Amino acid sequence: MTAPASERPPEEVDVPAHVPDDLVHRLDHHNDTIVTSDPVGFMDELRERYRVFYSPVYEGFWAVTRYADQREVFQRPELFSSSPTGLPGGPGYGGHKLLPIELDPPVHTKYRALINPVFAPKRIRALEEKARVLANELIDRILDSGRSEIDFVTDYAEKFPTQIFVDMMGLPFERYREFLTWNNTLLHSAQIGAGLDAKRQAGIEINDYLTTLIDHRTEHPGDDLVSVLIASEVDGEQLTREEVLRSVFLLFMAGLDTVMSAHSWFWWHLARNPGHRQQILDDEAVVPSAIEELLRVNSFVNDARTVREDTEFAGVAMKKGDRVWLSSSSACRDPREFPDPLTVDLRRSPNRHIAFAAGPHRCVGSHLARLELRVTMEEWHRRIPHYRIPEGAHVPMHCGGVAGIDSLPMIIER
């Protein structure tokens, strides 16, 4: 039963008349206890109970739980708009659409084409040597410290992909913790009251910082991604300052969070599964397929769409304006697509996971993410082959738009 409006948090709404009572299931993917204790597995039971269900929080949304349905949502932008992104809707940018993720085809295609070359496979391959040098520098610091216990998140996972990305953006690495704090607040604070205020404030601070950065790059261009966007054109017209800002804001959010989360989930799994770690040690050729399997079983991005017109989808009536929530972990652990989905098979084939989404908004940074994960997996296991999580260690986790691990204590066995 839905609580009286006066007793509910501000984001919770009355269930619309077109939603069947038996499909109402209250889920808060930011704050419920289960999502912070198992942020990549909490949908496993719900997926088998519901093909879709409706949660009245964050102004209400449909949860589409299964692989085939989610893939269809991603591939039908004419019916499911990507604006606004996220639940709660929007990242706190002040009502402006982020480019290109909150645009729909055909306009989206024009803006996506501006950043595609920067993340193209050939250009990403050129970063490999630099990435290996950086990975080994970070491993050197860990080994030279003489510590047997480290925090994999703060000692490696947040530093390695962040330094690569801030270099691409032309940002000062010495401020990376400030950047991460802003980003974490923006993407993972959805609590009532002060949490939402903090989220909005983080959006303002990022906006102010990036505005100053764009002004500086306009006067002093370089070979960084911000300078590339400033010089870009759509339909023969140079991007406006506002369009550059909306594009850079999106890249700032996406680039500082997702690959860090992927590293943390990978090592959380490998530290607890020495047999899988041994497969990597015995045959490095397994690394590419291992990356795909660990992305699948620990998929961590929660996306959202908005219904563009009244329709029937997945057996239910959806109305124009309804929000649709897409948990990638739910889809990527769906037994209808993946045999024995909770068993991790580092050589699984085929493996058509949608950890990077699908359709026109498929993650533009997927090639970069795979490179960074491959470099880490190879270099780390050459130098630190044996490690484990301490007995009884607390591993704090979060969900939200991106599920992640806040701290990963780890013992290195020398």
Protein backbone atom coordinates (compact mmCIF):
# COMPACT_ATOMS: atom_id res chain seq x y z
CA MET A 1 0.00 0.00 0.00
CA THR A 2 1.24 3.52 -0.84
CA ALA A 3 1.79 5.79 2.15
CA PRO A 4 -0.28 9.01 2.44
CA ALA A 5 1.33 11.86 0.53
CA SER A 6 1.99 13.83 3.72
CA GLU A 7 4.08 10.97 5.12
CA ARG A 8 6.14 10.28 2.03
CA PRO A 9 9.47 11.79 0.99
CA PRO A 10 9.18 14.57 -1.62
CA GLU A 11 10.25 12.40 -4.55
CA GLU A 12 7.64 9.69 -3.91
CA VAL A 13 4.42 9.98 -5.92
CA ASP A 14 1.01 8.42 -6.04
CA VAL A 15 0.95 5.39 -8.32
CA PRO A 16 -0.62 6.41 -11.67
CA ALA A 17 -3.95 4.85 -12.63
CA HIS A 18 -2.44 3.00 -15.61
CA VAL A 19 -0.09 0.99 -13.35
CA PRO A 20 -1.52 -2.37 -12.18
CA ASP A 21 -1.42 -2.86 -8.40
CA ASP A 22 0.42 -6.17 -8.71
CA LEU A 23 3.31 -4.48 -10.54
CA VAL A 24 4.03 -1.91 -7.82
CA HIS A 25 7.25 -2.59 -5.94
CA ARG A 26 8.94 0.24 -4.08
CA LEU A 27 12.64 0.30 -4.92
CA ASP A 28 15.10 3.09 -4.13
CA HIS A 29 18.26 2.11 -5.99
CA HIS A 30 20.26 4.78 -4.18
CA ASN A 31 19.38 4.18 -0.55
CA ASP A 32 17.72 0.82 0.14
CA THR A 33 19.80 -1.40 2.41
CA ILE A 34 19.95 -4.20 -0.14
CA VAL A 35 21.37 -1.97 -2.88
CA THR A 36 24.26 -0.85 -0.69
CA SER A 37 25.04 -4.41 0.45
CA ASP A 38 24.78 -6.03 -2.99
CA PRO A 39 24.62 -3.27 -5.62
CA VAL A 40 25.19 -5.58 -8.61
CA GLY A 41 23.09 -8.55 -7.46
CA PHE A 42 20.06 -7.02 -5.80
CA MET A 43 17.96 -7.32 -8.96
CA ASP A 44 18.46 -11.07 -9.43
CA GLU A 45 15.34 -12.05 -7.50
CA LEU A 46 13.24 -9.12 -8.74
CA ARG A 47 14.07 -9.95 -12.37
CA GLU A 48 12.57 -13.41 -11.94
CA ARG A 49 9.47 -12.03 -10.18
CA TYR A 50 8.83 -9.18 -12.60
CA ARG A 51 9.47 -8.59 -16.26
CA VAL A 52 8.69 -4.97 -15.39
CA PHE A 53 7.56 -3.29 -12.18
CA TYR A 54 6.76 0.25 -11.08
CA SER A 55 8.47 2.06 -8.22
CA PRO A 56 6.88 5.30 -6.97
CA VAL A 57 10.15 6.89 -5.79
CA TYR A 58 12.04 9.60 -7.69
CA GLU A 59 8.74 10.76 -9.17
CA GLY A 60 7.99 7.21 -10.30
CA PHE A 61 9.59 4.87 -12.82
CA TRP A 62 9.18 1.56 -14.61
CA ALA A 63 11.99 -0.93 -13.99
CA VAL A 64 12.64 -3.02 -17.10
CA THR A 65 14.49 -6.03 -15.74
CA ARG A 66 15.34 -8.42 -18.58
CA TYR A 67 18.03 -8.49 -21.23
CA ALA A 68 15.96 -8.58 -24.42
CA ASP A 69 13.64 -5.81 -23.24
CA GLN A 70 16.50 -3.57 -22.15
CA ARG A 71 18.30 -4.03 -25.46
CA GLU A 72 15.11 -3.05 -27.27
CA VAL A 73 14.73 0.10 -25.15
CA PHE A 74 18.31 1.12 -25.99
CA GLN A 75 17.77 0.49 -29.69
CA ARG A 76 14.47 2.40 -30.00
CA PRO A 77 15.26 6.08 -29.34
CA GLU A 78 12.19 7.06 -31.35
CA LEU A 79 10.10 5.61 -28.49
CA PHE A 80 12.46 5.93 -25.51
CA SER A 81 14.23 9.27 -25.22
CA SER A 82 17.52 9.57 -23.34
CA SER A 83 16.48 12.97 -21.96
CA PRO A 84 16.73 13.37 -19.08
CA THR A 85 19.36 10.86 -18.10
CA GLY A 86 19.47 9.23 -14.68
CA LEU A 87 17.07 8.77 -11.79
CA PRO A 88 16.48 11.20 -10.17
CA GLY A 89 16.36 12.94 -13.55
CA GLY A 90 19.30 14.99 -14.64
CA PRO A 91 22.75 15.52 -13.09
CA GLY A 92 22.14 18.98 -11.64
CA TYR A 93 23.21 20.96 -14.69
CA GLY A 94 20.39 23.50 -14.31
CA GLY A 95 17.90 22.10 -16.77
CA HIS A 96 20.22 22.08 -19.79
CA LYS A 97 20.66 18.92 -21.84
CA LEU A 98 24.03 17.21 -21.68
CA LEU A 99 25.61 16.64 -25.08
CA PRO A 100 25.36 14.24 -26.77
CA ILE A 101 23.81 11.78 -24.28
CA GLU A 102 20.57 13.72 -23.75
CA LEU A 103 19.95 14.21 -27.45
CA ASP A 104 18.07 11.76 -29.64
CA PRO A 105 18.83 10.85 -33.26
CA PRO A 106 19.22 12.40 -35.76
CA VAL A 107 20.53 15.44 -33.83
CA HIS A 108 22.45 13.18 -31.44
CA THR A 109 24.41 11.69 -34.32
CA LYS A 110 25.90 15.06 -35.28
CA TYR A 111 27.21 15.79 -31.80
CA ARG A 112 28.36 12.23 -31.14
CA ALA A 113 30.46 12.45 -34.31
CA LEU A 114 32.55 15.19 -32.66
CA ILE A 115 33.93 12.91 -29.95
CA ASN A 116 33.96 9.58 -31.78
CA PRO A 117 37.42 10.19 -33.33
CA VAL A 118 38.97 11.00 -29.93
CA PHE A 119 37.88 7.59 -28.58
CA ALA A 120 38.38 5.60 -31.78
CA PRO A 121 40.34 2.31 -31.49
CA LYS A 122 43.43 3.60 -33.35
CA ARG A 123 43.79 6.65 -31.11
CA ILE A 124 43.18 4.60 -27.96
CA ARG A 125 45.80 2.02 -28.97
CA ALA A 126 48.32 4.85 -29.13
CA LEU A 127 47.81 5.37 -25.37
CA GLU A 128 48.87 1.84 -24.42
CA GLU A 129 52.56 2.49 -23.77
CA LYS A 130 51.77 5.51 -21.62
CA ALA A 131 49.15 3.51 -19.74
CA ARG A 132 51.65 0.71 -19.00
CA VAL A 133 54.20 3.20 -17.69
CA LEU A 134 51.61 4.73 -15.39
CA ALA A 135 50.35 1.35 -14.17
CA ASN A 136 53.87 0.32 -13.23
CA GLU A 137 54.57 3.63 -11.52
CA LEU A 138 51.54 3.08 -9.29
CA ILE A 139 52.53 -0.54 -8.63
CA ASP A 140 56.06 0.64 -7.80
CA ARG A 141 54.66 2.99 -5.16
CA ILE A 142 52.64 0.19 -3.60
CA LEU A 143 55.55 -2.27 -3.52
CA ASP A 144 58.16 0.31 -2.48
CA SER A 145 55.98 1.38 0.46
CA GLY A 146 56.64 -2.00 2.06
CA ARG A 147 53.01 -2.28 3.14
CA SER A 148 51.39 -5.68 3.10
CA GLU A 149 47.88 -4.18 3.34
CA ILE A 150 46.64 -1.55 0.91
CA ASP A 151 43.35 -0.03 -0.20
CA PHE A 152 43.04 -0.99 -3.84
CA VAL A 153 40.57 1.83 -4.51
CA THR A 154 42.65 4.72 -3.20
CA ASP A 155 46.08 3.23 -3.99
CA TYR A 156 45.31 2.23 -7.56
CA ALA A 157 41.74 2.11 -8.93
CA GLU A 158 40.96 5.80 -8.57
CA LYS A 159 44.40 7.01 -9.66
CA PHE A 160 45.10 4.98 -12.80
CA PRO A 161 42.05 5.71 -14.98
CA THR A 162 41.65 9.20 -13.53
CA GLN A 163 45.17 10.28 -14.50
CA ILE A 164 44.71 8.97 -18.03
CA PHE A 165 41.42 10.78 -18.39
CA VAL A 166 42.45 14.12 -16.87
CA ASP A 167 45.44 14.11 -19.24
CA MET A 168 43.06 13.66 -22.18
CA MET A 169 40.93 16.52 -20.87
CA GLY A 170 43.88 18.75 -20.02
CA LEU A 171 42.96 18.92 -16.34
CA PRO A 172 45.50 19.21 -13.49
CA PHE A 173 45.99 15.79 -11.91
CA GLU A 174 46.90 17.32 -8.55
CA ARG A 175 43.23 18.26 -8.14
CA TYR A 176 41.91 14.78 -8.90
CA ARG A 177 40.56 14.15 -5.39
CA GLU A 178 38.52 17.34 -5.59
CA PHE A 179 37.19 16.24 -8.98
CA LEU A 180 36.28 12.81 -7.62
CA THR A 181 34.52 14.32 -4.61
CA TRP A 182 32.38 16.52 -6.86
CA ASN A 183 31.61 13.60 -9.12
CA ASN A 184 30.75 11.19 -6.31
CA THR A 185 28.40 13.72 -4.76
CA LEU A 186 26.74 14.47 -8.07
CA LEU A 187 26.23 10.86 -9.13
CA HIS A 188 25.71 9.05 -5.83
CA SER A 189 23.96 11.51 -3.49
CA ALA A 190 20.22 11.02 -3.83
CA GLN A 191 19.15 11.11 -0.22
CA ILE A 192 16.28 13.32 0.81
CA GLY A 193 17.04 16.90 1.83
CA ALA A 194 20.71 17.60 2.41
CA GLY A 195 21.82 14.91 -0.04
CA LEU A 196 19.95 16.54 -2.89
CA ASP A 197 21.23 19.96 -1.86
CA ALA A 198 24.78 18.62 -1.93
CA LYS A 199 24.12 17.11 -5.36
CA ARG A 200 22.97 20.44 -6.73
CA GLN A 201 25.92 22.27 -5.17
CA ALA A 202 28.38 19.82 -6.71
CA GLY A 203 26.78 20.45 -10.10
CA ILE A 204 27.24 24.20 -9.64
CA GLU A 205 30.89 23.81 -8.64
CA ILE A 206 31.69 21.54 -11.59
CA ASN A 207 29.89 23.96 -13.90
CA ASP A 208 31.89 26.93 -12.57
CA TYR A 209 35.20 25.09 -12.83
CA LEU A 210 34.57 23.87 -16.38
CA THR A 211 33.38 27.32 -17.49
CA THR A 212 36.69 28.81 -16.37
CA LEU A 213 38.58 25.96 -18.05
CA ILE A 214 36.76 26.48 -21.37
CA ASP A 215 37.48 30.23 -21.28
CA HIS A 216 41.16 29.50 -20.72
CA ARG A 217 41.33 26.88 -23.50
CA THR A 218 39.59 29.29 -25.88
CA GLU A 219 42.43 31.75 -25.36
CA HIS A 220 45.16 29.09 -25.11
CA PRO A 221 44.15 25.99 -27.13
CA GLY A 222 46.04 22.72 -26.82
CA ASP A 223 45.67 19.15 -28.07
CA ASP A 224 43.30 18.13 -25.28
CA LEU A 225 39.67 17.10 -25.65
CA VAL A 226 38.31 20.43 -24.43
CA SER A 227 40.26 22.27 -27.14
CA VAL A 228 39.01 19.80 -29.75
CA LEU A 229 35.40 20.54 -28.79
CA ILE A 230 35.94 24.31 -28.78
CA ALA A 231 37.17 24.08 -32.39
CA SER A 232 34.40 21.69 -33.52
CA GLU A 233 31.51 22.47 -35.85
CA VAL A 234 28.01 21.07 -36.36
CA ASP A 235 26.29 21.82 -39.68
CA GLY A 236 29.04 24.29 -40.50
CA GLU A 237 28.57 26.27 -37.29
CA GLN A 238 31.16 26.30 -34.53
CA LEU A 239 29.89 25.01 -31.19
CA THR A 240 28.69 27.72 -28.86
CA ARG A 241 30.33 28.15 -25.49
CA GLU A 242 27.20 26.66 -23.91
CA GLU A 243 27.35 23.57 -26.17
CA VAL A 244 31.02 23.02 -25.33
CA LEU A 245 30.20 23.29 -21.63
CA ARG A 246 27.37 20.75 -21.85
CA SER A 247 29.64 18.33 -23.72
CA VAL A 248 32.58 18.71 -21.34
CA PHE A 249 30.30 18.41 -18.29
CA LEU A 250 29.14 14.99 -19.52
CA LEU A 251 32.67 13.78 -20.24
CA PHE A 252 33.79 14.97 -16.81
CA MET A 253 31.09 12.89 -15.11
CA ALA A 254 31.47 9.74 -17.20
CA GLY A 255 35.25 9.69 -17.40
CA LEU A 256 35.95 9.99 -13.69
CA ASP A 257 33.65 7.30 -12.38
CA THR A 258 32.99 4.29 -14.55
CA VAL A 259 36.44 2.81 -15.17
CA MET A 260 37.37 3.32 -11.53
CA SER A 261 34.28 1.32 -10.59
CA ALA A 262 35.14 -1.41 -13.11
CA HIS A 263 38.64 -1.82 -11.63
CA SER A 264 37.22 -2.06 -8.13
CA TRP A 265 34.63 -4.72 -9.07
CA PHE A 266 37.23 -6.75 -10.98
CA TRP A 267 39.66 -6.87 -8.08
CA TRP A 268 36.92 -7.47 -5.55
CA HIS A 269 36.10 -10.61 -7.52
CA LEU A 270 39.67 -11.73 -8.24
CA ALA A 271 40.83 -11.22 -4.65
CA ARG A 272 38.11 -13.64 -3.51
CA ASN A 273 38.54 -16.17 -6.32
CA PRO A 274 42.13 -17.44 -6.54
CA GLY A 275 41.15 -20.01 -9.16
CA HIS A 276 40.18 -17.28 -11.61
CA ARG A 277 43.32 -15.36 -10.74
CA GLN A 278 45.37 -18.46 -11.48
CA GLN A 279 43.80 -18.75 -14.93
CA ILE A 280 45.17 -15.30 -15.73
CA LEU A 281 48.58 -16.20 -14.35
CA ASP A 282 48.69 -19.43 -16.35
CA ASP A 283 47.54 -17.95 -19.65
CA GLU A 284 47.52 -14.21 -20.29
CA ALA A 285 45.59 -14.86 -23.50
CA VAL A 286 42.47 -15.28 -21.35
CA VAL A 287 42.57 -11.60 -20.33
CA PRO A 288 40.33 -10.15 -23.11
CA SER A 289 37.51 -12.65 -22.51
CA ALA A 290 38.00 -12.35 -18.73
CA ILE A 291 37.40 -8.61 -19.03
CA GLU A 292 34.13 -9.19 -20.86
CA GLU A 293 32.94 -11.75 -18.33
CA LEU A 294 33.78 -9.61 -15.32
CA LEU A 295 32.05 -6.65 -16.97
CA ARG A 296 29.02 -8.88 -17.45
CA VAL A 297 28.67 -10.41 -14.01
CA ASN A 298 29.52 -7.19 -12.18
CA SER A 299 27.84 -4.76 -14.57
CA PHE A 300 27.38 -1.53 -12.66
CA VAL A 301 25.66 1.19 -14.72
CA ASN A 302 22.00 2.06 -14.14
CA ASP A 303 20.57 3.99 -17.07
CA ALA A 304 17.22 5.69 -17.68
CA ARG A 305 14.95 6.69 -20.53
CA THR A 306 11.68 8.64 -20.95
CA VAL A 307 8.70 7.31 -22.89
CA ARG A 308 7.97 9.62 -25.84
CA GLU A 309 4.39 8.50 -26.61
CA ASP A 310 1.72 6.26 -25.14
CA THR A 311 2.64 2.68 -25.95
CA GLU A 312 2.47 -0.91 -24.79
CA PHE A 313 5.86 -2.37 -23.95
CA ALA A 314 6.89 -5.57 -22.16
CA GLY A 315 3.22 -6.36 -21.62
CA VAL A 316 2.27 -3.10 -19.85
CA ALA A 317 0.76 0.24 -20.83
CA MET A 318 3.31 3.04 -20.62
CA LYS A 319 2.28 6.66 -20.90
CA LYS A 320 4.11 9.56 -22.50
CA GLY A 321 6.48 11.01 -19.92
CA ASP A 322 6.87 7.79 -17.90
CA ARG A 323 10.44 7.18 -16.79
CA VAL A 324 12.08 3.82 -17.51
CA TRP A 325 14.98 2.51 -15.40
CA LEU A 326 17.51 0.04 -16.82
CA SER A 327 19.76 -1.87 -14.43
CA SER A 328 22.60 -3.28 -16.53
CA SER A 329 23.44 -5.87 -13.87
CA SER A 330 19.89 -7.20 -14.06
CA ALA A 331 20.10 -7.60 -17.84
CA CYS A 332 23.63 -9.00 -17.81
CA ARG A 333 22.71 -11.71 -15.29
CA ASP A 334 19.52 -12.75 -17.08
CA PRO A 335 19.43 -16.56 -17.56
CA ARG A 336 17.31 -16.07 -20.70
CA GLU A 337 20.44 -14.72 -22.42
CA PHE A 338 23.34 -16.12 -20.39
CA PRO A 339 23.36 -19.81 -19.41
CA ASP A 340 24.17 -20.26 -15.72
CA PRO A 341 24.62 -16.48 -15.39
CA LEU A 342 25.92 -16.35 -11.82
CA THR A 343 28.78 -18.70 -12.66
CA VAL A 344 31.83 -16.73 -13.74
CA ASP A 345 33.41 -18.30 -16.82
CA LEU A 346 36.44 -16.31 -17.93
CA ARG A 347 36.24 -17.94 -21.37
CA ARG A 348 32.47 -17.45 -21.82
CA SER A 349 31.49 -17.26 -25.48
CA PRO A 350 29.33 -15.80 -26.82
CA ASN A 351 29.09 -12.95 -24.36
CA ARG A 352 26.74 -10.26 -25.66
CA HIS A 353 26.61 -8.27 -22.46
CA ILE A 354 25.30 -4.71 -22.45
CA ALA A 355 27.58 -3.31 -19.76
CA PHE A 356 28.33 -0.49 -22.21
CA ALA A 357 24.62 -0.17 -23.14
CA ALA A 358 23.54 -0.60 -26.77
CA GLY A 359 22.13 1.35 -29.69
CA PRO A 360 23.10 4.94 -30.60
CA HIS A 361 24.12 5.82 -27.04
CA ARG A 362 26.46 2.87 -26.58
CA CYS A 363 29.39 4.03 -24.43
CA VAL A 364 31.85 6.03 -26.54
CA GLY A 365 34.62 5.27 -24.05
CA SER A 366 34.37 1.47 -24.26
CA HIS A 367 37.66 1.09 -26.16
CA LEU A 368 39.47 3.22 -23.58
CA ALA A 369 37.92 1.26 -20.71
CA ARG A 370 38.96 -2.07 -22.20
CA LEU A 371 42.51 -0.84 -22.78
CA GLU A 372 42.86 0.38 -19.20
CA LEU A 373 41.43 -2.83 -17.76
CA ARG A 374 43.66 -5.01 -19.95
CA VAL A 375 46.80 -3.06 -19.06
CA THR A 376 46.01 -3.26 -15.35
CA MET A 377 45.15 -6.94 -15.46
CA GLU A 378 48.38 -7.81 -17.27
CA GLU A 379 50.81 -5.55 -15.41
CA TRP A 380 49.31 -6.12 -11.94
CA HIS A 381 49.40 -9.90 -12.22
CA ARG A 382 52.94 -9.92 -13.52
CA ARG A 383 54.08 -8.06 -10.42
CA ILE A 384 51.45 -8.77 -7.73
CA PRO A 385 50.09 -12.23 -8.52
CA HIS A 386 48.77 -13.09 -5.04
CA TYR A 387 46.44 -10.93 -2.99
CA ARG A 388 43.32 -11.30 -0.90
CA ILE A 389 40.76 -9.36 1.11
CA PRO A 390 41.47 -9.55 4.87
CA GLU A 391 39.25 -11.87 6.88
CA GLY A 392 36.18 -9.99 8.13
CA ALA A 393 37.06 -6.78 6.29
CA HIS A 394 34.25 -4.30 5.68
CA VAL A 395 33.91 -3.39 2.00
CA PRO A 396 31.56 -0.36 1.70
CA MET A 397 29.59 -0.17 -1.54
CA HIS A 398 27.11 2.17 -3.18
CA CYS A 399 24.57 2.04 -5.97
CA GLY A 400 22.78 4.89 -7.76
CA GLY A 401 23.61 5.80 -11.34
CA VAL A 402 26.84 3.84 -11.13
CA ALA A 403 27.38 1.06 -8.59
CA GLY A 404 30.80 1.09 -7.02
CA ILE A 405 33.07 0.13 -4.15
CA ASP A 406 34.19 2.91 -1.82
CA SER A 407 37.09 1.09 -0.20
CA LEU A 408 38.70 -2.29 -0.95
CA PRO A 409 41.19 -3.40 1.73
CA MET A 410 43.61 -5.90 0.30
CA ILE A 411 46.54 -7.94 1.58
CA ILE A 412 49.43 -8.41 -0.82
CA GLU A 413 51.17 -11.74 -0.35
CA ARG A 414 54.80 -11.15 -1.21
